[in-house]
Amino acid sequence: MKIINQKQRVSAIEYTAELLKKDGWVQSKTVEQWLDDAEFRPAQFQSSLPALQVLGLLGFENELVRAQTPELA
């Protein structure tokens, strides 16, 4: 079993937030709420759905994800 540290958890949530923004979302919801929305409209979550599913499998359903503008490199 692999342990996920705090830095990795925060990084995964931030990355998922960027993917949600790429999909056109700007709300703040928990992972579980995002997955519930995606269940009925998977085509609107083309970039972010796989990341949301992984977060859910890792037990982060109650983590708040704020869709954000991706940072310019």
PDB file of N, CA and C in Angstrom:
ATOM      1  N   MET A   1       0.844  -1.173   0.000  1.00  0.00           N
ATOM      2  CA  MET A   1       0.000   0.000   0.000  1.00  0.00           C
ATOM      3  C   MET A   1       0.890   1.237   0.000  1.00  0.00           C
ATOM      4  N   LYS A   2       0.579   2.184  -0.857  1.00  0.00           N
ATOM      5  CA  LYS A   2       1.357   3.417  -0.963  1.00  0.00           C
ATOM      6  C   LYS A   2       0.687   4.502  -0.141  1.00  0.00           C
ATOM      7  N   ILE A   3       1.484   5.234   0.591  1.00  0.00           N
ATOM      8  CA  ILE A   3       0.996   6.357   1.385  1.00  0.00           C
ATOM      9  C   ILE A   3       1.134   7.624   0.545  1.00  0.00           C
ATOM     10  N   ILE A   4       0.090   8.418   0.506  1.00  0.00           N
ATOM     11  CA  ILE A   4       0.114   9.685  -0.218  1.00  0.00           C
ATOM     12  C   ILE A   4       0.326  10.791   0.802  1.00  0.00           C
ATOM     13  N   ASN A   5       1.381  11.572   0.606  1.00  0.00           N
ATOM     14  CA  ASN A   5       1.651  12.633   1.568  1.00  0.00           C
ATOM     15  C   ASN A   5       0.819  13.884   1.248  1.00  0.00           C
ATOM     16  N   GLN A   6       0.864  14.826   2.145  1.00  0.00           N
ATOM     17  CA  GLN A   6       0.064  16.056   2.031  1.00  0.00           C
ATOM     18  C   GLN A   6       0.379  16.814   0.745  1.00  0.00           C
ATOM     19  N   LYS A   7       1.655  16.912   0.402  1.00  0.00           N
ATOM     20  CA  LYS A   7       2.060  17.643  -0.803  1.00  0.00           C
ATOM     21  C   LYS A   7       1.480  16.991  -2.057  1.00  0.00           C
ATOM     22  N   GLN A   8       1.507  15.672  -2.123  1.00  0.00           N
ATOM     23  CA  GLN A   8       0.956  14.963  -3.279  1.00  0.00           C
ATOM     24  C   GLN A   8      -0.559  15.140  -3.360  1.00  0.00           C
ATOM     25  N   ARG A   9      -1.233  15.111  -2.211  1.00  0.00           N
ATOM     26  CA  ARG A   9      -2.686  15.293  -2.185  1.00  0.00           C
ATOM     27  C   ARG A   9      -3.056  16.678  -2.691  1.00  0.00           C
ATOM     28  N   VAL A  10      -2.367  17.692  -2.195  1.00  0.00           N
ATOM     29  CA  VAL A  10      -2.640  19.072  -2.616  1.00  0.00           C
ATOM     30  C   VAL A  10      -2.352  19.227  -4.106  1.00  0.00           C
ATOM     31  N   SER A  11      -1.264  18.653  -4.577  1.00  0.00           N
ATOM     32  CA  SER A  11      -0.900  18.728  -5.988  1.00  0.00           C
ATOM     33  C   SER A  11      -1.972  18.081  -6.869  1.00  0.00           C
ATOM     34  N   ALA A  12      -2.480  16.925  -6.455  1.00  0.00           N
ATOM     35  CA  ALA A  12      -3.516  16.228  -7.224  1.00  0.00           C
ATOM     36  C   ALA A  12      -4.808  17.040  -7.267  1.00  0.00           C
ATOM     37  N   ILE A  13      -5.166  17.651  -6.163  1.00  0.00           N
ATOM     38  CA  ILE A  13      -6.393  18.448  -6.114  1.00  0.00           C
ATOM     39  C   ILE A  13      -6.238  19.704  -6.973  1.00  0.00           C
ATOM     40  N   GLU A  14      -5.080  20.344  -6.920  1.00  0.00           N
ATOM     41  CA  GLU A  14      -4.842  21.535  -7.743  1.00  0.00           C
ATOM     42  C   GLU A  14      -4.863  21.182  -9.226  1.00  0.00           C
ATOM     43  N   TYR A  15      -4.271  20.066  -9.583  1.00  0.00           N
ATOM     44  CA  TYR A  15      -4.260  19.634 -10.981  1.00  0.00           C
ATOM     45  C   TYR A  15      -5.683  19.348 -11.467  1.00  0.00           C
ATOM     46  N   THR A  16      -6.467  18.699 -10.629  1.00  0.00           N
ATOM     47  CA  THR A  16      -7.862  18.422 -10.975  1.00  0.00           C
ATOM     48  C   THR A  16      -8.630  19.720 -11.143  1.00  0.00           C
ATOM     49  N   ALA A  17      -8.357  20.701 -10.306  1.00  0.00           N
ATOM     50  CA  ALA A  17      -9.009  22.006 -10.425  1.00  0.00           C
ATOM     51  C   ALA A  17      -8.682  22.659 -11.766  1.00  0.00           C
ATOM     52  N   GLU A  18      -7.435  22.550 -12.192  1.00  0.00           N
ATOM     53  CA  GLU A  18      -7.050  23.096 -13.493  1.00  0.00           C
ATOM     54  C   GLU A  18      -7.793  22.387 -14.628  1.00  0.00           C
ATOM     55  N   LEU A  19      -7.940  21.077 -14.518  1.00  0.00           N
ATOM     56  CA  LEU A  19      -8.664  20.322 -15.543  1.00  0.00           C
ATOM     57  C   LEU A  19     -10.144  20.707 -15.574  1.00  0.00           C
ATOM     58  N   LEU A  20     -10.729  20.935 -14.396  1.00  0.00           N
ATOM     59  CA  LEU A  20     -12.125  21.381 -14.349  1.00  0.00           C
ATOM     60  C   LEU A  20     -12.278  22.727 -15.041  1.00  0.00           C
ATOM     61  N   LYS A  21     -11.346  23.634 -14.810  1.00  0.00           N
ATOM     62  CA  LYS A  21     -11.393  24.945 -15.461  1.00  0.00           C
ATOM     63  C   LYS A  21     -11.259  24.769 -16.977  1.00  0.00           C
ATOM     64  N   LYS A  22     -10.391  23.867 -17.401  1.00  0.00           N
ATOM     65  CA  LYS A  22     -10.227  23.588 -18.830  1.00  0.00           C
ATOM     66  C   LYS A  22     -11.546  23.091 -19.433  1.00  0.00           C
ATOM     67  N   ASP A  23     -12.304  22.343 -18.648  1.00  0.00           N
ATOM     68  CA  ASP A  23     -13.609  21.854 -19.098  1.00  0.00           C
ATOM     69  C   ASP A  23     -14.688  22.934 -19.033  1.00  0.00           C
ATOM     70  N   GLY A  24     -14.350  24.118 -18.496  1.00  0.00           N
ATOM     71  CA  GLY A  24     -15.293  25.226 -18.490  1.00  0.00           C
ATOM     72  C   GLY A  24     -16.016  25.445 -17.174  1.00  0.00           C
ATOM     73  N   TRP A  25     -15.575  24.826 -16.103  1.00  0.00           N
ATOM     74  CA  TRP A  25     -16.237  24.953 -14.806  1.00  0.00           C
ATOM     75  C   TRP A  25     -15.527  25.990 -13.948  1.00  0.00           C
ATOM     76  N   VAL A  26     -16.290  26.687 -13.096  1.00  0.00           N
ATOM     77  CA  VAL A  26     -15.699  27.688 -12.204  1.00  0.00           C
ATOM     78  C   VAL A  26     -16.178  27.543 -10.762  1.00  0.00           C
ATOM     79  N   GLN A  27     -17.031  26.580 -10.486  1.00  0.00           N
ATOM     80  CA  GLN A  27     -17.577  26.398  -9.139  1.00  0.00           C
ATOM     81  C   GLN A  27     -16.585  25.705  -8.211  1.00  0.00           C
ATOM     82  N   SER A  28     -16.908  25.749  -6.934  1.00  0.00           N
ATOM     83  CA  SER A  28     -16.180  24.998  -5.913  1.00  0.00           C
ATOM     84  C   SER A  28     -17.132  23.945  -5.362  1.00  0.00           C
ATOM     85  N   LYS A  29     -16.714  22.687  -5.462  1.00  0.00           N
ATOM     86  CA  LYS A  29     -17.523  21.567  -4.980  1.00  0.00           C
ATOM     87  C   LYS A  29     -16.590  20.502  -4.437  1.00  0.00           C
ATOM     88  N   THR A  30     -17.153  19.556  -3.697  1.00  0.00           N
ATOM     89  CA  THR A  30     -16.350  18.424  -3.251  1.00  0.00           C
ATOM     90  C   THR A  30     -16.171  17.456  -4.421  1.00  0.00           C
ATOM     91  N   VAL A  31     -15.194  16.581  -4.294  1.00  0.00           N
ATOM     92  CA  VAL A  31     -14.956  15.573  -5.329  1.00  0.00           C
ATOM     93  C   VAL A  31     -16.229  14.770  -5.565  1.00  0.00           C
ATOM     94  N   GLU A  32     -16.903  14.394  -4.487  1.00  0.00           N
ATOM     95  CA  GLU A  32     -18.141  13.613  -4.608  1.00  0.00           C
ATOM     96  C   GLU A  32     -19.218  14.381  -5.378  1.00  0.00           C
ATOM     97  N   GLN A  33     -19.353  15.674  -5.130  1.00  0.00           N
ATOM     98  CA  GLN A  33     -20.343  16.474  -5.851  1.00  0.00           C
ATOM     99  C   GLN A  33     -19.988  16.582  -7.326  1.00  0.00           C
ATOM    100  N   TRP A  34     -18.694  16.762  -7.630  1.00  0.00           N
ATOM    101  CA  TRP A  34     -18.275  16.799  -9.034  1.00  0.00           C
ATOM    102  C   TRP A  34     -18.575  15.469  -9.723  1.00  0.00           C
ATOM    103  N   LEU A  35     -18.289  14.359  -9.033  1.00  0.00           N
ATOM    104  CA  LEU A  35     -18.567  13.043  -9.619  1.00  0.00           C
ATOM    105  C   LEU A  35     -20.063  12.828  -9.834  1.00  0.00           C
ATOM    106  N   ASP A  36     -20.877  13.307  -8.907  1.00  0.00           N
ATOM    107  CA  ASP A  36     -22.326  13.196  -9.077  1.00  0.00           C
ATOM    108  C   ASP A  36     -22.777  13.959 -10.318  1.00  0.00           C
ATOM    109  N   ASP A  37     -22.246  15.163 -10.525  1.00  0.00           N
ATOM    110  CA  ASP A  37     -22.583  15.945 -11.717  1.00  0.00           C
ATOM    111  C   ASP A  37     -22.107  15.245 -12.987  1.00  0.00           C
ATOM    112  N   ALA A  38     -20.910  14.690 -12.939  1.00  0.00           N
ATOM    113  CA  ALA A  38     -20.333  14.040 -14.122  1.00  0.00           C
ATOM    114  C   ALA A  38     -21.065  12.753 -14.486  1.00  0.00           C
ATOM    115  N   GLU A  39     -21.715  12.144 -13.527  1.00  0.00           N
ATOM    116  CA  GLU A  39     -22.436  10.898 -13.790  1.00  0.00           C
ATOM    117  C   GLU A  39     -23.512  11.094 -14.859  1.00  0.00           C
ATOM    118  N   PHE A  40     -24.149  12.253 -14.857  1.00  0.00           N
ATOM    119  CA  PHE A  40     -25.239  12.507 -15.797  1.00  0.00           C
ATOM    120  C   PHE A  40     -24.787  13.280 -17.031  1.00  0.00           C
ATOM    121  N   ARG A  41     -23.588  13.873 -16.986  1.00  0.00           N
ATOM    122  CA  ARG A  41     -23.087  14.657 -18.111  1.00  0.00           C
ATOM    123  C   ARG A  41     -21.599  14.383 -18.337  1.00  0.00           C
ATOM    124  N   PRO A  42     -21.208  13.147 -18.584  1.00  0.00           N
ATOM    125  CA  PRO A  42     -19.772  12.839 -18.700  1.00  0.00           C
ATOM    126  C   PRO A  42     -19.080  13.585 -19.838  1.00  0.00           C
ATOM    127  N   ALA A  43     -19.787  13.913 -20.892  1.00  0.00           N
ATOM    128  CA  ALA A  43     -19.175  14.612 -22.025  1.00  0.00           C
ATOM    129  C   ALA A  43     -18.705  16.015 -21.644  1.00  0.00           C
ATOM    130  N   GLN A  44     -19.279  16.587 -20.598  1.00  0.00           N
ATOM    131  CA  GLN A  44     -18.873  17.928 -20.157  1.00  0.00           C
ATOM    132  C   GLN A  44     -17.672  17.885 -19.215  1.00  0.00           C
ATOM    133  N   PHE A  45     -17.167  16.700 -18.943  1.00  0.00           N
ATOM    134  CA  PHE A  45     -16.026  16.526 -18.044  1.00  0.00           C
ATOM    135  C   PHE A  45     -14.923  15.748 -18.751  1.00  0.00           C
ATOM    136  N   GLN A  46     -14.681  16.080 -20.020  1.00  0.00           N
ATOM    137  CA  GLN A  46     -13.745  15.305 -20.830  1.00  0.00           C
ATOM    138  C   GLN A  46     -12.336  15.276 -20.251  1.00  0.00           C
ATOM    139  N   SER A  47     -11.853  16.388 -19.750  1.00  0.00           N
ATOM    140  CA  SER A  47     -10.487  16.447 -19.216  1.00  0.00           C
ATOM    141  C   SER A  47     -10.407  16.008 -17.760  1.00  0.00           C
ATOM    142  N   SER A  48     -11.407  16.365 -16.989  1.00  0.00           N
ATOM    143  CA  SER A  48     -11.307  16.217 -15.540  1.00  0.00           C
ATOM    144  C   SER A  48     -11.879  14.921 -14.967  1.00  0.00           C
ATOM    145  N   LEU A  49     -12.735  14.228 -15.699  1.00  0.00           N
ATOM    146  CA  LEU A  49     -13.392  13.052 -15.136  1.00  0.00           C
ATOM    147  C   LEU A  49     -12.411  11.977 -14.663  1.00  0.00           C
ATOM    148  N   PRO A  50     -11.394  11.610 -15.437  1.00  0.00           N
ATOM    149  CA  PRO A  50     -10.466  10.592 -14.934  1.00  0.00           C
ATOM    150  C   PRO A  50      -9.777  11.010 -13.628  1.00  0.00           C
ATOM    151  N   ALA A  51      -9.390  12.275 -13.531  1.00  0.00           N
ATOM    152  CA  ALA A  51      -8.733  12.757 -12.306  1.00  0.00           C
ATOM    153  C   ALA A  51      -9.700  12.729 -11.130  1.00  0.00           C
ATOM    154  N   LEU A  52     -10.946  13.109 -11.364  1.00  0.00           N
ATOM    155  CA  LEU A  52     -11.952  13.060 -10.302  1.00  0.00           C
ATOM    156  C   LEU A  52     -12.183  11.628  -9.829  1.00  0.00           C
ATOM    157  N   GLN A  53     -12.217  10.695 -10.770  1.00  0.00           N
ATOM    158  CA  GLN A  53     -12.422   9.295 -10.414  1.00  0.00           C
ATOM    159  C   GLN A  53     -11.269   8.766  -9.575  1.00  0.00           C
ATOM    160  N   VAL A  54     -10.044   9.134  -9.920  1.00  0.00           N
ATOM    161  CA  VAL A  54      -8.882   8.696  -9.145  1.00  0.00           C
ATOM    162  C   VAL A  54      -8.946   9.272  -7.731  1.00  0.00           C
ATOM    163  N   LEU A  55      -9.268  10.570  -7.614  1.00  0.00           N
ATOM    164  CA  LEU A  55      -9.390  11.175  -6.281  1.00  0.00           C
ATOM    165  C   LEU A  55     -10.453  10.453  -5.460  1.00  0.00           C
ATOM    166  N   GLY A  56     -11.561  10.089  -6.101  1.00  0.00           N
ATOM    167  CA  GLY A  56     -12.604   9.358  -5.405  1.00  0.00           C
ATOM    168  C   GLY A  56     -12.132   7.995  -4.939  1.00  0.00           C
ATOM    169  N   LEU A  57     -11.393   7.295  -5.787  1.00  0.00           N
ATOM    170  CA  LEU A  57     -10.868   5.978  -5.417  1.00  0.00           C
ATOM    171  C   LEU A  57      -9.847   6.053  -4.278  1.00  0.00           C
ATOM    172  N   LEU A  58      -9.157   7.171  -4.197  1.00  0.00           N
ATOM    173  CA  LEU A  58      -8.165   7.353  -3.139  1.00  0.00           C
ATOM    174  C   LEU A  58      -8.791   7.783  -1.811  1.00  0.00           C
ATOM    175  N   GLY A  59     -10.089   7.997  -1.814  1.00  0.00           N
ATOM    176  CA  GLY A  59     -10.774   8.346  -0.575  1.00  0.00           C
ATOM    177  C   GLY A  59     -10.885   9.832  -0.309  1.00  0.00           C
ATOM    178  N   PHE A  60     -10.740  10.639  -1.336  1.00  0.00           N
ATOM    179  CA  PHE A  60     -10.791  12.091  -1.160  1.00  0.00           C
ATOM    180  C   PHE A  60     -12.148  12.678  -1.565  1.00  0.00           C
ATOM    181  N   GLU A  61     -13.231  11.923  -1.374  1.00  0.00           N
ATOM    182  CA  GLU A  61     -14.555  12.365  -1.803  1.00  0.00           C
ATOM    183  C   GLU A  61     -14.986  13.679  -1.158  1.00  0.00           C
ATOM    184  N   ASN A  62     -14.546  13.939   0.060  1.00  0.00           N
ATOM    185  CA  ASN A  62     -14.989  15.133   0.779  1.00  0.00           C
ATOM    186  C   ASN A  62     -14.053  16.324   0.618  1.00  0.00           C
ATOM    187  N   GLU A  63     -13.028  16.191  -0.223  1.00  0.00           N
ATOM    188  CA  GLU A  63     -12.102  17.292  -0.454  1.00  0.00           C
ATOM    189  C   GLU A  63     -12.737  18.324  -1.378  1.00  0.00           C
ATOM    190  N   LEU A  64     -12.592  19.581  -1.028  1.00  0.00           N
ATOM    191  CA  LEU A  64     -13.126  20.669  -1.829  1.00  0.00           C
ATOM    192  C   LEU A  64     -12.188  20.951  -2.988  1.00  0.00           C
ATOM    193  N   VAL A  65     -12.737  21.025  -4.196  1.00  0.00           N
ATOM    194  CA  VAL A  65     -11.966  21.331  -5.391  1.00  0.00           C
ATOM    195  C   VAL A  65     -12.518  22.611  -5.980  1.00  0.00           C
ATOM    196  N   ARG A  66     -11.673  23.627  -6.043  1.00  0.00           N
ATOM    197  CA  ARG A  66     -12.070  24.927  -6.598  1.00  0.00           C
ATOM    198  C   ARG A  66     -11.548  25.022  -8.025  1.00  0.00           C
ATOM    199  N   ALA A  67     -12.448  25.013  -8.990  1.00  0.00           N
ATOM    200  CA  ALA A  67     -12.024  25.156 -10.382  1.00  0.00           C
ATOM    201  C   ALA A  67     -11.308  26.488 -10.514  1.00  0.00           C
ATOM    202  N   GLN A  68     -10.141  26.477 -11.141  1.00  0.00           N
ATOM    203  CA  GLN A  68      -9.333  27.686 -11.209  1.00  0.00           C
ATOM    204  C   GLN A  68      -8.739  27.843 -12.585  1.00  0.00           C
ATOM    205  N   THR A  69      -8.271  29.041 -12.853  1.00  0.00           N
ATOM    206  CA  THR A  69      -7.617  29.321 -14.111  1.00  0.00           C
ATOM    207  C   THR A  69      -6.226  28.709 -14.089  1.00  0.00           C
ATOM    208  N   PRO A  70      -5.882  27.922 -15.108  1.00  0.00           N
ATOM    209  CA  PRO A  70      -4.534  27.344 -15.139  1.00  0.00           C
ATOM    210  C   PRO A  70      -3.481  28.454 -15.172  1.00  0.00           C
ATOM    211  N   GLU A  71      -2.387  28.238 -14.463  1.00  0.00           N
ATOM    212  CA  GLU A  71      -1.306  29.220 -14.408  1.00  0.00           C
ATOM    213  C   GLU A  71      -0.570  29.203 -15.742  1.00  0.00           C
ATOM    214  N   LEU A  72      -0.184  30.375 -16.192  1.00  0.00           N
ATOM    215  CA  LEU A  72       0.586  30.472 -17.420  1.00  0.00           C
ATOM    216  C   LEU A  72       2.039  30.133 -17.122  1.00  0.00           C
ATOM    217  N   ALA A  73       2.629  29.342 -17.980  1.00  0.00           N
ATOM    218  CA  ALA A  73       4.017  28.927 -17.761  1.00  0.00           C
ATOM    219  C   ALA A  73       4.977  29.965 -18.300  1.00  0.00           C
TER     220      ALA A  73
END
